[in-house]
Amino acid sequence: MSKMKDRMHTGELYLPGDSEIMERQTACLERLYDFNMTRPGETEKRSAMLREMFAEIGEGCYIEPPLHANFGGAHVHFGRNVYANFNLTLVDDTHIYVGDHTMLGPNVTIASAGHPILPELREKTYQYNFPVRIGRNCWIGAGAVIVPGVTIGDDTVIGAGSVVTKDIPSGVVAAGVPCRVIRGINERDREYYFKDRRIKYEEL
């Protein structure tokens, strides 16, 4: 039988309280605590810490503390120029992928971990994990929740407060509980950035 830590990335049921898992998790959380205690002016220190904490993190990323993450980002893969506002929660028991230039609003939750519906298994604290993939140049609105196993395509906007339970394609605006595609990104979006506010390209 495989060790519990080996099942974290296979989708199999496992016990997250396993001593080997807990030892590594605690070490990751110690580093996360230090990151969250940094001062606003310590941007270079924060960047250096994130490079140590995350599985991968590209140039130009910014995460506004406090950051919450089960494994302190150890299973998180950020591309370049990813921006995350405060209170980002990463349930990173397995891998979370976020593409270049994606923006995450305040209080976004990205969860890779779940628990069985069967009460007897939950009572024994069994868990399973499936990776989450968010594409390039997405905007995930404030308070959105993304559940295990979901993929969101490139250039997509997820409305604030949405609960994303199924895959969302590229190039759309999607919102709601559960999150559904509302429309594609279209020519009007080239002319207006918010309601009737016109984009003044000559000033950009």
N, C-alpha and C. Protein backbone atom coordinates (compact mmCIF):
# COMPACT_ATOMS: atom_id res chain seq x y z
N MET A 1 0.85 -1.20 0.00
CA MET A 1 0.00 0.00 0.00
C MET A 1 0.88 1.25 0.00
N SER A 2 0.51 2.23 -0.84
CA SER A 2 1.31 3.45 -0.93
C SER A 2 1.21 4.25 0.37
N LYS A 3 2.24 5.03 0.65
CA LYS A 3 2.22 5.91 1.80
C LYS A 3 1.17 6.99 1.60
N MET A 4 0.68 7.53 2.72
CA MET A 4 -0.35 8.56 2.65
C MET A 4 0.11 9.76 1.82
N LYS A 5 1.36 10.16 2.00
CA LYS A 5 1.84 11.35 1.27
C LYS A 5 1.86 11.12 -0.23
N ASP A 6 2.02 9.85 -0.65
CA ASP A 6 2.04 9.55 -2.08
C ASP A 6 0.65 9.63 -2.70
N ARG A 7 -0.39 9.57 -1.87
CA ARG A 7 -1.77 9.62 -2.39
C ARG A 7 -2.29 11.05 -2.52
N MET A 8 -1.52 12.02 -2.03
CA MET A 8 -1.99 13.40 -2.06
C MET A 8 -2.21 13.91 -3.49
N HIS A 9 -1.46 13.37 -4.44
CA HIS A 9 -1.50 13.90 -5.80
C HIS A 9 -2.08 12.90 -6.81
N THR A 10 -2.78 11.88 -6.31
CA THR A 10 -3.32 10.85 -7.21
C THR A 10 -4.84 10.82 -7.24
N GLY A 11 -5.50 11.61 -6.40
CA GLY A 11 -6.96 11.58 -6.32
C GLY A 11 -7.49 10.47 -5.42
N GLU A 12 -6.59 9.66 -4.84
CA GLU A 12 -7.01 8.59 -3.94
C GLU A 12 -7.39 9.15 -2.57
N LEU A 13 -8.20 8.39 -1.84
CA LEU A 13 -8.50 8.75 -0.45
C LEU A 13 -7.25 8.57 0.40
N TYR A 14 -7.04 9.50 1.31
CA TYR A 14 -5.89 9.40 2.22
C TYR A 14 -6.22 10.13 3.51
N LEU A 15 -5.34 9.98 4.51
CA LEU A 15 -5.53 10.60 5.82
C LEU A 15 -4.55 11.76 5.95
N PRO A 16 -5.05 13.01 5.93
CA PRO A 16 -4.15 14.17 5.96
C PRO A 16 -3.44 14.35 7.29
N GLY A 17 -3.91 13.67 8.35
CA GLY A 17 -3.26 13.77 9.65
C GLY A 17 -2.07 12.85 9.82
N ASP A 18 -1.68 12.17 8.75
CA ASP A 18 -0.49 11.31 8.77
C ASP A 18 0.72 12.10 9.25
N SER A 19 1.54 11.48 10.09
CA SER A 19 2.64 12.20 10.75
C SER A 19 3.64 12.77 9.75
N GLU A 20 3.94 12.04 8.69
CA GLU A 20 4.89 12.51 7.68
C GLU A 20 4.34 13.75 6.95
N ILE A 21 3.04 13.72 6.64
CA ILE A 21 2.40 14.87 5.99
C ILE A 21 2.39 16.07 6.93
N MET A 22 2.02 15.83 8.17
CA MET A 22 1.90 16.92 9.14
C MET A 22 3.24 17.61 9.40
N GLU A 23 4.30 16.82 9.42
CA GLU A 23 5.63 17.39 9.66
C GLU A 23 6.00 18.37 8.55
N ARG A 24 5.77 17.95 7.31
CA ARG A 24 6.08 18.83 6.18
C ARG A 24 5.15 20.04 6.16
N GLN A 25 3.87 19.81 6.43
CA GLN A 25 2.91 20.91 6.42
C GLN A 25 3.26 21.98 7.45
N THR A 26 3.65 21.55 8.62
CA THR A 26 4.00 22.50 9.68
C THR A 26 5.19 23.37 9.26
N ALA A 27 6.17 22.76 8.64
CA ALA A 27 7.33 23.53 8.17
C ALA A 27 6.91 24.57 7.14
N CYS A 28 6.01 24.19 6.24
CA CYS A 28 5.50 25.13 5.24
C CYS A 28 4.72 26.27 5.89
N LEU A 29 3.93 25.95 6.90
CA LEU A 29 3.11 26.97 7.57
C LEU A 29 3.97 27.93 8.38
N GLU A 30 5.10 27.46 8.88
CA GLU A 30 6.02 28.36 9.58
C GLU A 30 6.53 29.45 8.63
N ARG A 31 6.87 29.06 7.40
CA ARG A 31 7.34 30.03 6.41
C ARG A 31 6.21 30.98 6.00
N LEU A 32 5.01 30.44 5.87
CA LEU A 32 3.86 31.28 5.53
C LEU A 32 3.60 32.31 6.62
N TYR A 33 3.74 31.91 7.87
CA TYR A 33 3.57 32.85 8.99
C TYR A 33 4.56 34.00 8.86
N ASP A 34 5.80 33.69 8.56
CA ASP A 34 6.82 34.73 8.40
C ASP A 34 6.48 35.67 7.24
N PHE A 35 5.98 35.12 6.14
CA PHE A 35 5.58 35.96 5.00
C PHE A 35 4.49 36.94 5.41
N ASN A 36 3.51 36.45 6.14
CA ASN A 36 2.39 37.30 6.55
C ASN A 36 2.77 38.36 7.58
N MET A 37 3.93 38.19 8.22
CA MET A 37 4.40 39.17 9.19
C MET A 37 5.30 40.24 8.57
N THR A 38 5.53 40.17 7.26
CA THR A 38 6.38 41.17 6.62
C THR A 38 5.68 42.52 6.59
N ARG A 39 6.50 43.58 6.50
CA ARG A 39 5.97 44.94 6.47
C ARG A 39 5.67 45.36 5.02
N PRO A 40 4.76 46.32 4.83
CA PRO A 40 4.38 46.73 3.48
C PRO A 40 5.55 47.16 2.59
N GLY A 41 6.59 47.74 3.17
CA GLY A 41 7.73 48.19 2.38
C GLY A 41 8.71 47.10 2.00
N GLU A 42 8.52 45.89 2.52
CA GLU A 42 9.49 44.81 2.31
C GLU A 42 9.14 43.98 1.07
N THR A 43 8.95 44.66 -0.05
CA THR A 43 8.50 43.97 -1.25
C THR A 43 9.54 42.98 -1.78
N GLU A 44 10.82 43.36 -1.73
CA GLU A 44 11.85 42.44 -2.21
C GLU A 44 11.96 41.21 -1.33
N LYS A 45 11.82 41.41 -0.03
CA LYS A 45 11.84 40.28 0.91
C LYS A 45 10.67 39.34 0.64
N ARG A 46 9.49 39.93 0.39
CA ARG A 46 8.31 39.10 0.09
C ARG A 46 8.54 38.28 -1.17
N SER A 47 9.06 38.91 -2.21
CA SER A 47 9.30 38.20 -3.47
C SER A 47 10.27 37.04 -3.28
N ALA A 48 11.32 37.27 -2.52
CA ALA A 48 12.30 36.22 -2.26
C ALA A 48 11.67 35.07 -1.47
N MET A 49 10.83 35.39 -0.51
CA MET A 49 10.17 34.35 0.29
C MET A 49 9.23 33.52 -0.57
N LEU A 50 8.47 34.19 -1.46
CA LEU A 50 7.54 33.46 -2.31
C LEU A 50 8.27 32.50 -3.24
N ARG A 51 9.45 32.89 -3.70
CA ARG A 51 10.23 31.99 -4.56
C ARG A 51 10.63 30.73 -3.81
N GLU A 52 10.83 30.83 -2.52
CA GLU A 52 11.16 29.66 -1.70
C GLU A 52 9.91 28.85 -1.34
N MET A 53 8.80 29.54 -1.12
CA MET A 53 7.58 28.90 -0.63
C MET A 53 6.81 28.16 -1.71
N PHE A 54 6.74 28.74 -2.92
CA PHE A 54 5.89 28.20 -3.98
C PHE A 54 6.61 27.13 -4.78
N ALA A 55 5.84 26.23 -5.38
CA ALA A 55 6.42 25.24 -6.29
C ALA A 55 7.05 25.94 -7.48
N GLU A 56 6.33 26.94 -8.02
CA GLU A 56 6.83 27.78 -9.11
C GLU A 56 6.20 29.15 -8.97
N ILE A 57 6.96 30.20 -9.22
CA ILE A 57 6.38 31.54 -9.26
C ILE A 57 7.20 32.38 -10.22
N GLY A 58 6.52 32.99 -11.20
CA GLY A 58 7.20 33.74 -12.23
C GLY A 58 7.56 35.15 -11.79
N GLU A 59 8.22 35.87 -12.68
CA GLU A 59 8.62 37.25 -12.41
C GLU A 59 7.38 38.16 -12.32
N GLY A 60 7.49 39.17 -11.47
CA GLY A 60 6.46 40.20 -11.42
C GLY A 60 5.19 39.82 -10.68
N CYS A 61 5.21 38.74 -9.92
CA CYS A 61 4.01 38.36 -9.15
C CYS A 61 3.92 39.18 -7.86
N TYR A 62 2.71 39.47 -7.46
CA TYR A 62 2.49 40.20 -6.21
C TYR A 62 1.32 39.58 -5.47
N ILE A 63 1.55 39.23 -4.22
CA ILE A 63 0.49 38.69 -3.36
C ILE A 63 0.39 39.58 -2.14
N GLU A 64 -0.77 40.15 -1.92
CA GLU A 64 -1.00 41.04 -0.77
C GLU A 64 -1.32 40.19 0.46
N PRO A 65 -0.50 40.26 1.51
CA PRO A 65 -0.85 39.53 2.74
C PRO A 65 -2.14 40.09 3.35
N PRO A 66 -2.86 39.29 4.13
CA PRO A 66 -2.49 37.91 4.48
C PRO A 66 -2.84 36.91 3.38
N LEU A 67 -1.95 35.96 3.22
CA LEU A 67 -2.15 34.80 2.36
C LEU A 67 -2.42 33.60 3.24
N HIS A 68 -3.40 32.80 2.85
CA HIS A 68 -3.71 31.57 3.58
C HIS A 68 -3.49 30.39 2.63
N ALA A 69 -2.74 29.39 3.05
CA ALA A 69 -2.47 28.24 2.20
C ALA A 69 -2.14 27.03 3.05
N ASN A 70 -2.80 25.92 2.79
CA ASN A 70 -2.61 24.71 3.60
C ASN A 70 -1.16 24.27 3.65
N PHE A 71 -0.47 24.39 2.51
CA PHE A 71 0.94 24.02 2.45
C PHE A 71 1.82 25.21 2.08
N GLY A 72 1.35 26.40 2.43
CA GLY A 72 2.16 27.60 2.24
C GLY A 72 2.57 27.88 0.81
N GLY A 73 1.82 27.32 -0.15
CA GLY A 73 2.16 27.51 -1.56
C GLY A 73 3.05 26.43 -2.14
N ALA A 74 3.38 25.42 -1.37
CA ALA A 74 4.34 24.39 -1.83
C ALA A 74 3.86 23.62 -3.05
N HIS A 75 2.55 23.61 -3.29
CA HIS A 75 2.00 22.91 -4.47
C HIS A 75 1.35 23.89 -5.44
N VAL A 76 1.76 25.17 -5.37
CA VAL A 76 1.15 26.21 -6.19
C VAL A 76 2.12 26.66 -7.28
N HIS A 77 1.60 26.79 -8.50
CA HIS A 77 2.40 27.16 -9.67
C HIS A 77 1.80 28.43 -10.26
N PHE A 78 2.47 29.56 -10.07
CA PHE A 78 2.04 30.84 -10.64
C PHE A 78 2.93 31.17 -11.83
N GLY A 79 2.31 31.68 -12.89
CA GLY A 79 3.07 32.18 -14.02
C GLY A 79 3.64 33.56 -13.70
N ARG A 80 3.86 34.36 -14.74
CA ARG A 80 4.41 35.70 -14.57
C ARG A 80 3.30 36.72 -14.33
N ASN A 81 3.63 37.75 -13.56
CA ASN A 81 2.74 38.90 -13.36
C ASN A 81 1.34 38.52 -12.87
N VAL A 82 1.29 37.55 -11.97
CA VAL A 82 0.03 37.21 -11.30
C VAL A 82 -0.15 38.16 -10.12
N TYR A 83 -1.35 38.70 -9.98
CA TYR A 83 -1.67 39.60 -8.87
C TYR A 83 -2.77 38.98 -8.02
N ALA A 84 -2.54 38.94 -6.71
CA ALA A 84 -3.54 38.43 -5.78
C ALA A 84 -3.77 39.45 -4.67
N ASN A 85 -5.00 39.88 -4.52
CA ASN A 85 -5.35 40.80 -3.45
C ASN A 85 -5.43 40.04 -2.12
N PHE A 86 -5.72 40.78 -1.03
CA PHE A 86 -5.63 40.19 0.30
C PHE A 86 -6.62 39.05 0.53
N ASN A 87 -6.24 38.17 1.48
CA ASN A 87 -7.06 37.03 1.90
C ASN A 87 -7.24 35.98 0.82
N LEU A 88 -6.26 35.83 -0.07
CA LEU A 88 -6.30 34.69 -0.98
C LEU A 88 -6.13 33.42 -0.16
N THR A 89 -7.03 32.46 -0.37
CA THR A 89 -6.96 31.17 0.32
C THR A 89 -6.69 30.09 -0.71
N LEU A 90 -5.56 29.41 -0.56
CA LEU A 90 -5.15 28.32 -1.45
C LEU A 90 -5.16 27.03 -0.65
N VAL A 91 -6.14 26.20 -0.91
CA VAL A 91 -6.16 24.87 -0.28
C VAL A 91 -5.30 23.99 -1.18
N ASP A 92 -3.99 24.10 -0.97
CA ASP A 92 -3.02 23.54 -1.91
C ASP A 92 -2.49 22.18 -1.46
N ASP A 93 -3.39 21.30 -1.10
CA ASP A 93 -2.98 19.94 -0.73
C ASP A 93 -2.48 19.17 -1.95
N THR A 94 -2.95 19.56 -3.14
CA THR A 94 -2.31 19.13 -4.37
C THR A 94 -2.15 20.36 -5.25
N HIS A 95 -1.84 20.18 -6.50
CA HIS A 95 -1.34 21.28 -7.32
C HIS A 95 -2.43 22.25 -7.79
N ILE A 96 -2.08 23.54 -7.74
CA ILE A 96 -2.91 24.63 -8.25
C ILE A 96 -2.06 25.40 -9.26
N TYR A 97 -2.60 25.59 -10.46
CA TYR A 97 -1.88 26.27 -11.53
C TYR A 97 -2.60 27.56 -11.91
N VAL A 98 -1.88 28.66 -11.97
CA VAL A 98 -2.45 29.96 -12.36
C VAL A 98 -1.54 30.56 -13.43
N GLY A 99 -2.14 30.92 -14.58
CA GLY A 99 -1.37 31.39 -15.72
C GLY A 99 -0.93 32.85 -15.61
N ASP A 100 -0.07 33.25 -16.55
CA ASP A 100 0.47 34.61 -16.60
C ASP A 100 -0.63 35.66 -16.62
N HIS A 101 -0.38 36.78 -15.94
CA HIS A 101 -1.22 37.99 -16.00
C HIS A 101 -2.62 37.80 -15.42
N THR A 102 -2.84 36.74 -14.68
CA THR A 102 -4.15 36.54 -14.05
C THR A 102 -4.23 37.36 -12.77
N MET A 103 -5.43 37.90 -12.51
CA MET A 103 -5.68 38.70 -11.32
C MET A 103 -6.72 38.00 -10.44
N LEU A 104 -6.44 37.97 -9.14
CA LEU A 104 -7.31 37.34 -8.16
C LEU A 104 -7.77 38.40 -7.18
N GLY A 105 -9.08 38.62 -7.09
CA GLY A 105 -9.62 39.64 -6.20
C GLY A 105 -9.52 39.26 -4.74
N PRO A 106 -9.95 40.16 -3.84
CA PRO A 106 -9.91 39.86 -2.41
C PRO A 106 -10.80 38.65 -2.06
N ASN A 107 -10.34 37.89 -1.09
CA ASN A 107 -11.14 36.79 -0.51
C ASN A 107 -11.49 35.69 -1.51
N VAL A 108 -10.63 35.47 -2.49
CA VAL A 108 -10.81 34.34 -3.41
C VAL A 108 -10.33 33.07 -2.73
N THR A 109 -11.06 31.98 -2.93
CA THR A 109 -10.67 30.66 -2.42
C THR A 109 -10.50 29.70 -3.58
N ILE A 110 -9.33 29.07 -3.66
CA ILE A 110 -9.06 28.04 -4.65
C ILE A 110 -8.75 26.75 -3.88
N ALA A 111 -9.64 25.78 -3.98
CA ALA A 111 -9.53 24.58 -3.16
C ALA A 111 -9.24 23.36 -4.02
N SER A 112 -8.16 22.66 -3.71
CA SER A 112 -7.84 21.41 -4.41
C SER A 112 -8.28 20.19 -3.60
N ALA A 113 -8.71 20.39 -2.36
CA ALA A 113 -9.03 19.27 -1.46
C ALA A 113 -10.52 19.15 -1.22
N GLY A 114 -10.98 17.91 -1.11
CA GLY A 114 -12.37 17.63 -0.79
C GLY A 114 -12.49 16.47 0.18
N HIS A 115 -13.70 16.25 0.64
CA HIS A 115 -13.97 15.16 1.58
C HIS A 115 -15.14 14.34 1.09
N PRO A 116 -15.15 13.03 1.34
CA PRO A 116 -16.21 12.16 0.83
C PRO A 116 -17.59 12.56 1.36
N ILE A 117 -18.60 12.31 0.56
CA ILE A 117 -19.98 12.54 1.01
C ILE A 117 -20.35 11.54 2.11
N LEU A 118 -19.84 10.31 2.02
CA LEU A 118 -20.21 9.26 2.97
C LEU A 118 -19.77 9.64 4.38
N PRO A 119 -20.71 9.77 5.33
CA PRO A 119 -20.35 10.24 6.68
C PRO A 119 -19.30 9.38 7.38
N GLU A 120 -19.37 8.06 7.17
CA GLU A 120 -18.42 7.17 7.85
C GLU A 120 -16.98 7.46 7.46
N LEU A 121 -16.78 7.83 6.19
CA LEU A 121 -15.42 8.14 5.75
C LEU A 121 -14.96 9.50 6.27
N ARG A 122 -15.90 10.47 6.30
CA ARG A 122 -15.53 11.78 6.85
C ARG A 122 -15.20 11.69 8.33
N GLU A 123 -15.92 10.84 9.04
CA GLU A 123 -15.66 10.68 10.47
C GLU A 123 -14.24 10.17 10.72
N LYS A 124 -13.73 9.40 9.77
CA LYS A 124 -12.35 8.90 9.87
C LYS A 124 -11.35 9.90 9.29
N THR A 125 -11.84 11.07 8.86
CA THR A 125 -11.05 12.21 8.35
C THR A 125 -10.40 11.95 6.99
N TYR A 126 -11.00 11.06 6.18
CA TYR A 126 -10.44 10.85 4.84
C TYR A 126 -10.64 12.07 3.96
N GLN A 127 -9.71 12.23 3.03
CA GLN A 127 -9.69 13.38 2.13
C GLN A 127 -9.23 12.91 0.76
N TYR A 128 -9.56 13.70 -0.27
CA TYR A 128 -9.03 13.46 -1.62
C TYR A 128 -8.68 14.82 -2.23
N ASN A 129 -7.79 14.83 -3.20
CA ASN A 129 -7.36 16.08 -3.84
C ASN A 129 -7.36 15.94 -5.35
N PHE A 130 -7.79 17.01 -6.03
CA PHE A 130 -7.69 17.10 -7.48
C PHE A 130 -7.20 18.49 -7.87
N PRO A 131 -6.31 18.58 -8.84
CA PRO A 131 -5.70 19.87 -9.19
C PRO A 131 -6.70 20.86 -9.77
N VAL A 132 -6.40 22.14 -9.60
CA VAL A 132 -7.17 23.25 -10.17
C VAL A 132 -6.27 23.97 -11.16
N ARG A 133 -6.83 24.31 -12.31
CA ARG A 133 -6.06 25.01 -13.35
C ARG A 133 -6.81 26.27 -13.78
N ILE A 134 -6.15 27.42 -13.63
CA ILE A 134 -6.70 28.70 -14.07
C ILE A 134 -5.79 29.22 -15.16
N GLY A 135 -6.38 29.63 -16.28
CA GLY A 135 -5.59 29.99 -17.45
C GLY A 135 -4.90 31.33 -17.36
N ARG A 136 -4.44 31.76 -18.50
CA ARG A 136 -3.68 33.00 -18.66
C ARG A 136 -4.63 34.19 -18.78
N ASN A 137 -4.26 35.31 -18.15
CA ASN A 137 -4.97 36.57 -18.31
C ASN A 137 -6.43 36.49 -17.89
N CYS A 138 -6.69 35.77 -16.82
CA CYS A 138 -8.05 35.69 -16.25
C CYS A 138 -8.22 36.74 -15.16
N TRP A 139 -9.45 37.05 -14.87
CA TRP A 139 -9.79 37.90 -13.73
C TRP A 139 -10.79 37.13 -12.89
N ILE A 140 -10.39 36.80 -11.67
CA ILE A 140 -11.26 36.07 -10.74
C ILE A 140 -11.76 37.09 -9.72
N GLY A 141 -13.05 37.39 -9.75
CA GLY A 141 -13.62 38.46 -8.93
C GLY A 141 -13.63 38.14 -7.45
N ALA A 142 -13.80 39.19 -6.65
CA ALA A 142 -13.75 39.09 -5.19
C ALA A 142 -14.72 38.03 -4.67
N GLY A 143 -14.23 37.24 -3.73
CA GLY A 143 -15.09 36.28 -3.04
C GLY A 143 -15.43 35.04 -3.84
N ALA A 144 -14.85 34.85 -5.01
CA ALA A 144 -15.13 33.65 -5.80
C ALA A 144 -14.53 32.42 -5.12
N VAL A 145 -15.20 31.28 -5.30
CA VAL A 145 -14.75 30.00 -4.77
C VAL A 145 -14.61 29.03 -5.93
N ILE A 146 -13.44 28.39 -6.03
CA ILE A 146 -13.17 27.43 -7.10
C ILE A 146 -12.88 26.09 -6.44
N VAL A 147 -13.64 25.07 -6.82
CA VAL A 147 -13.59 23.79 -6.12
C VAL A 147 -12.63 22.82 -6.82
N PRO A 148 -12.30 21.68 -6.17
CA PRO A 148 -11.32 20.75 -6.72
C PRO A 148 -11.66 20.26 -8.13
N GLY A 149 -10.60 20.13 -8.94
CA GLY A 149 -10.73 19.53 -10.26
C GLY A 149 -11.17 20.46 -11.37
N VAL A 150 -11.41 21.74 -11.07
CA VAL A 150 -11.94 22.68 -12.05
C VAL A 150 -10.82 23.25 -12.92
N THR A 151 -11.12 23.47 -14.20
CA THR A 151 -10.24 24.18 -15.12
C THR A 151 -10.97 25.40 -15.66
N ILE A 152 -10.30 26.56 -15.64
CA ILE A 152 -10.84 27.80 -16.20
C ILE A 152 -9.93 28.21 -17.35
N GLY A 153 -10.51 28.48 -18.52
CA GLY A 153 -9.73 28.78 -19.70
C GLY A 153 -9.13 30.17 -19.70
N ASP A 154 -8.28 30.46 -20.69
CA ASP A 154 -7.59 31.74 -20.82
C ASP A 154 -8.58 32.89 -21.03
N ASP A 155 -8.20 34.08 -20.57
CA ASP A 155 -8.90 35.34 -20.85
C ASP A 155 -10.30 35.42 -20.25
N THR A 156 -10.66 34.53 -19.38
CA THR A 156 -12.01 34.47 -18.83
C THR A 156 -12.14 35.32 -17.58
N VAL A 157 -13.33 35.90 -17.40
CA VAL A 157 -13.67 36.67 -16.20
C VAL A 157 -14.68 35.88 -15.39
N ILE A 158 -14.37 35.68 -14.10
CA ILE A 158 -15.30 35.03 -13.17
C ILE A 158 -15.86 36.11 -12.24
N GLY A 159 -17.18 36.28 -12.25
CA GLY A 159 -17.81 37.34 -11.46
C GLY A 159 -17.63 37.16 -9.97
N ALA A 160 -17.67 38.29 -9.26
CA ALA A 160 -17.52 38.28 -7.80
C ALA A 160 -18.58 37.38 -7.16
N GLY A 161 -18.15 36.64 -6.14
CA GLY A 161 -19.07 35.80 -5.38
C GLY A 161 -19.46 34.50 -6.05
N SER A 162 -18.89 34.19 -7.19
CA SER A 162 -19.25 32.97 -7.91
C SER A 162 -18.70 31.73 -7.22
N VAL A 163 -19.39 30.61 -7.41
CA VAL A 163 -18.90 29.31 -6.94
C VAL A 163 -18.71 28.44 -8.18
N VAL A 164 -17.44 28.20 -8.51
CA VAL A 164 -17.11 27.52 -9.76
C VAL A 164 -16.99 26.02 -9.48
N THR A 165 -17.99 25.27 -9.94
CA THR A 165 -18.05 23.83 -9.67
C THR A 165 -17.76 22.99 -10.91
N LYS A 166 -17.75 23.63 -12.10
CA LYS A 166 -17.48 22.91 -13.35
C LYS A 166 -16.53 23.73 -14.20
N ASP A 167 -15.91 23.08 -15.17
CA ASP A 167 -14.97 23.77 -16.06
C ASP A 167 -15.64 24.94 -16.77
N ILE A 168 -14.88 26.02 -16.95
CA ILE A 168 -15.34 27.21 -17.66
C ILE A 168 -14.40 27.42 -18.85
N PRO A 169 -14.95 27.65 -20.06
CA PRO A 169 -14.08 27.76 -21.24
C PRO A 169 -13.32 29.08 -21.30
N SER A 170 -12.49 29.23 -22.30
CA SER A 170 -11.73 30.46 -22.52
C SER A 170 -12.62 31.56 -23.09
N GLY A 171 -12.24 32.81 -22.83
CA GLY A 171 -12.84 33.95 -23.51
C GLY A 171 -14.28 34.24 -23.19
N VAL A 172 -14.69 33.99 -21.94
CA VAL A 172 -16.08 34.25 -21.56
C VAL A 172 -16.15 35.03 -20.26
N VAL A 173 -17.35 35.58 -20.01
CA VAL A 173 -17.71 36.11 -18.71
C VAL A 173 -18.65 35.09 -18.07
N ALA A 174 -18.32 34.64 -16.87
CA ALA A 174 -19.11 33.63 -16.18
C ALA A 174 -19.33 34.07 -14.75
N ALA A 175 -20.51 33.78 -14.20
CA ALA A 175 -20.81 34.20 -12.83
C ALA A 175 -21.96 33.37 -12.29
N GLY A 176 -22.15 33.46 -10.98
CA GLY A 176 -23.30 32.84 -10.34
C GLY A 176 -22.95 31.70 -9.42
N VAL A 177 -24.01 31.19 -8.77
CA VAL A 177 -23.90 30.06 -7.85
C VAL A 177 -24.94 29.03 -8.26
N PRO A 178 -24.54 27.94 -8.95
CA PRO A 178 -23.17 27.68 -9.41
C PRO A 178 -22.81 28.58 -10.60
N CYS A 179 -21.51 28.74 -10.84
CA CYS A 179 -21.02 29.62 -11.90
C CYS A 179 -21.39 29.07 -13.28
N ARG A 180 -21.97 29.97 -14.12
CA ARG A 180 -22.34 29.60 -15.49
C ARG A 180 -21.84 30.67 -16.45
N VAL A 181 -21.62 30.26 -17.69
CA VAL A 181 -21.22 31.22 -18.72
C VAL A 181 -22.38 32.17 -19.00
N ILE A 182 -22.11 33.47 -18.94
CA ILE A 182 -23.13 34.48 -19.24
C ILE A 182 -23.04 34.91 -20.70
N ARG A 183 -21.81 35.14 -21.16
CA ARG A 183 -21.62 35.57 -22.55
C ARG A 183 -20.16 35.45 -22.92
N GLY A 184 -19.90 35.54 -24.19
CA GLY A 184 -18.54 35.61 -24.66
C GLY A 184 -18.00 37.03 -24.55
N ILE A 185 -16.69 37.17 -24.53
CA ILE A 185 -16.07 38.49 -24.60
C ILE A 185 -16.19 38.95 -26.05
N ASN A 186 -16.74 40.17 -26.27
CA ASN A 186 -17.15 40.56 -27.62
C ASN A 186 -16.65 41.94 -28.02
N GLU A 187 -17.11 42.42 -29.17
CA GLU A 187 -16.65 43.70 -29.72
C GLU A 187 -17.03 44.88 -28.82
N ARG A 188 -18.16 44.78 -28.14
CA ARG A 188 -18.54 45.88 -27.25
C ARG A 188 -17.50 46.08 -26.15
N ASP A 189 -16.87 44.98 -25.73
CA ASP A 189 -15.84 45.07 -24.69
C ASP A 189 -14.60 45.83 -25.18
N ARG A 190 -14.44 45.95 -26.50
CA ARG A 190 -13.34 46.75 -27.05
C ARG A 190 -13.66 48.24 -26.97
N GLU A 191 -14.95 48.57 -26.79
CA GLU A 191 -15.36 49.97 -26.77
C GLU A 191 -15.66 50.48 -25.37
N TYR A 192 -16.21 49.61 -24.51
CA TYR A 192 -16.61 50.03 -23.17
C TYR A 192 -15.93 49.15 -22.12
N TYR A 193 -15.40 49.77 -21.07
CA TYR A 193 -14.75 49.00 -20.01
C TYR A 193 -15.64 48.76 -18.80
N PHE A 194 -16.67 49.62 -18.62
CA PHE A 194 -17.60 49.45 -17.50
C PHE A 194 -18.89 50.18 -17.82
N LYS A 195 -19.97 49.42 -17.94
CA LYS A 195 -21.27 49.99 -18.28
C LYS A 195 -21.15 50.90 -19.51
N ASP A 196 -21.42 52.21 -19.37
CA ASP A 196 -21.35 53.10 -20.53
C ASP A 196 -20.05 53.90 -20.58
N ARG A 197 -19.05 53.46 -19.82
CA ARG A 197 -17.77 54.17 -19.79
C ARG A 197 -16.90 53.71 -20.95
N ARG A 198 -16.63 54.62 -21.88
CA ARG A 198 -15.91 54.30 -23.10
C ARG A 198 -14.39 54.24 -22.84
N ILE A 199 -13.74 53.32 -23.51
CA ILE A 199 -12.28 53.23 -23.43
C ILE A 199 -11.67 54.35 -24.27
N LYS A 200 -10.86 55.19 -23.68
CA LYS A 200 -10.19 56.27 -24.40
C LYS A 200 -8.77 55.80 -24.75
N TYR A 201 -8.67 55.10 -25.87
CA TYR A 201 -7.40 54.49 -26.24
C TYR A 201 -6.28 55.52 -26.38
N GLU A 202 -6.64 56.73 -26.80
CA GLU A 202 -5.62 57.75 -27.01
C GLU A 202 -4.96 58.17 -25.71
N GLU A 203 -5.61 57.87 -24.58
CA GLU A 203 -5.05 58.25 -23.27
C GLU A 203 -4.32 57.09 -22.59
N LEU A 204 -4.40 55.91 -23.18
CA LEU A 204 -3.80 54.74 -22.54
C LEU A 204 -2.36 54.54 -22.99
